[in-house]
Amino acid sequence: MNWGGFFDIDNRLLGLQEKEQQTLTPEFWASGHLAEMVMKDIKSHKNWISSFLKTQSALDDLDVLLEFFDLGEATETELDQK
């Protein structure tokens, strides 16, 4: 599922990859303040991506469970547990 905008995971992953590539150049570390800012941004991107993927996985699981419920193969209690 593509959410777009703020939730554009592909763009987030690309941005993370670009920032990580920046850290591989020797010039990057010449400016400690800039390097620190970029490293904080990388950490923030990683946290956001991790949270997004966990949420997406939970939604996918719930979607499958709802399909089972609609087919009569899951109970309301099982839905409530998710």
Protein backbone atom coordinates (compact mmCIF):
# COMPACT_ATOMS: atom_id res chain seq x y z
CA MET A 1 0.00 0.00 0.00
CA ASN A 2 1.37 3.41 -0.93
CA TRP A 3 0.30 6.11 1.53
CA GLY A 4 2.13 9.03 -0.13
CA GLY A 5 3.09 12.39 1.32
CA PHE A 6 4.30 12.19 4.91
CA PHE A 7 3.82 8.43 4.84
CA ASP A 8 5.85 7.85 1.65
CA ILE A 9 8.03 4.99 2.91
CA ASP A 10 9.94 4.65 -0.36
CA ASN A 11 10.98 8.30 -0.20
CA ARG A 12 11.95 7.90 3.48
CA LEU A 13 14.11 4.87 2.67
CA LEU A 14 15.77 6.72 -0.19
CA GLY A 15 16.44 9.73 2.05
CA LEU A 16 17.98 7.48 4.69
CA GLN A 17 20.20 5.81 2.13
CA GLU A 18 21.39 9.19 0.81
CA LYS A 19 22.21 10.43 4.30
CA GLU A 20 24.09 7.23 5.13
CA GLN A 21 26.08 7.64 1.91
CA GLN A 22 27.10 11.13 3.06
CA THR A 23 28.72 9.63 6.16
CA LEU A 24 31.07 7.56 4.00
CA THR A 25 32.98 10.55 2.67
CA PRO A 26 35.99 11.80 4.64
CA GLU A 27 34.84 15.41 4.25
CA PHE A 28 31.64 14.63 6.10
CA TRP A 29 33.43 14.21 9.41
CA ALA A 30 35.40 17.46 9.01
CA SER A 31 32.48 19.45 10.36
CA GLY A 32 31.55 17.94 13.71
CA HIS A 33 28.39 20.02 14.09
CA LEU A 34 27.08 19.11 10.63
CA ALA A 35 27.98 15.45 11.13
CA GLU A 36 26.12 15.41 14.45
CA MET A 37 23.01 16.92 12.85
CA VAL A 38 23.03 14.40 10.01
CA MET A 39 23.56 11.49 12.42
CA LYS A 40 20.57 12.66 14.49
CA ASP A 41 18.54 12.88 11.27
CA ILE A 42 19.59 9.33 10.33
CA LYS A 43 18.51 8.08 13.76
CA SER A 44 15.19 9.87 13.40
CA HIS A 45 14.62 8.36 9.94
CA LYS A 46 15.43 4.87 11.24
CA ASN A 47 13.03 5.25 14.16
CA TRP A 48 10.26 6.56 11.89
CA ILE A 49 10.79 3.74 9.36
CA SER A 50 10.79 1.09 12.10
CA SER A 51 7.56 2.45 13.60
CA PHE A 52 5.93 2.70 10.19
CA LEU A 53 6.83 -0.89 9.27
CA LYS A 54 5.54 -2.22 12.60
CA THR A 55 2.28 -0.34 12.14
CA GLN A 56 1.94 -1.49 8.55
CA SER A 57 2.51 -5.10 9.63
CA ALA A 58 -0.14 -4.82 12.36
CA LEU A 59 -2.62 -3.35 9.86
CA ASP A 60 -1.89 -6.15 7.38
CA ASP A 61 -2.44 -8.76 10.12
CA LEU A 62 -5.69 -7.13 11.13
CA ASP A 63 -6.83 -6.99 7.50
CA VAL A 64 -6.25 -10.74 7.10
CA LEU A 65 -8.01 -11.46 10.38
CA LEU A 66 -10.97 -9.33 9.28
CA GLU A 67 -11.16 -11.33 6.04
CA PHE A 68 -11.25 -14.55 8.09
CA PHE A 69 -13.96 -13.03 10.28
CA ASP A 70 -16.03 -12.11 7.22
CA LEU A 71 -15.71 -15.71 6.02
CA GLY A 72 -16.74 -17.03 9.43
CA GLU A 73 -13.30 -18.48 10.12
CA ALA A 74 -12.39 -16.12 12.98
CA THR A 75 -14.30 -15.05 16.04
CA GLU A 76 -15.08 -11.59 17.33
CA THR A 77 -12.88 -12.38 20.33
CA GLU A 78 -9.92 -12.97 18.01
CA LEU A 79 -10.56 -9.62 16.37
CA ASP A 80 -10.74 -7.90 19.76
CA GLN A 81 -7.38 -9.42 20.73
CA LYS A 82 -5.67 -7.64 17.82
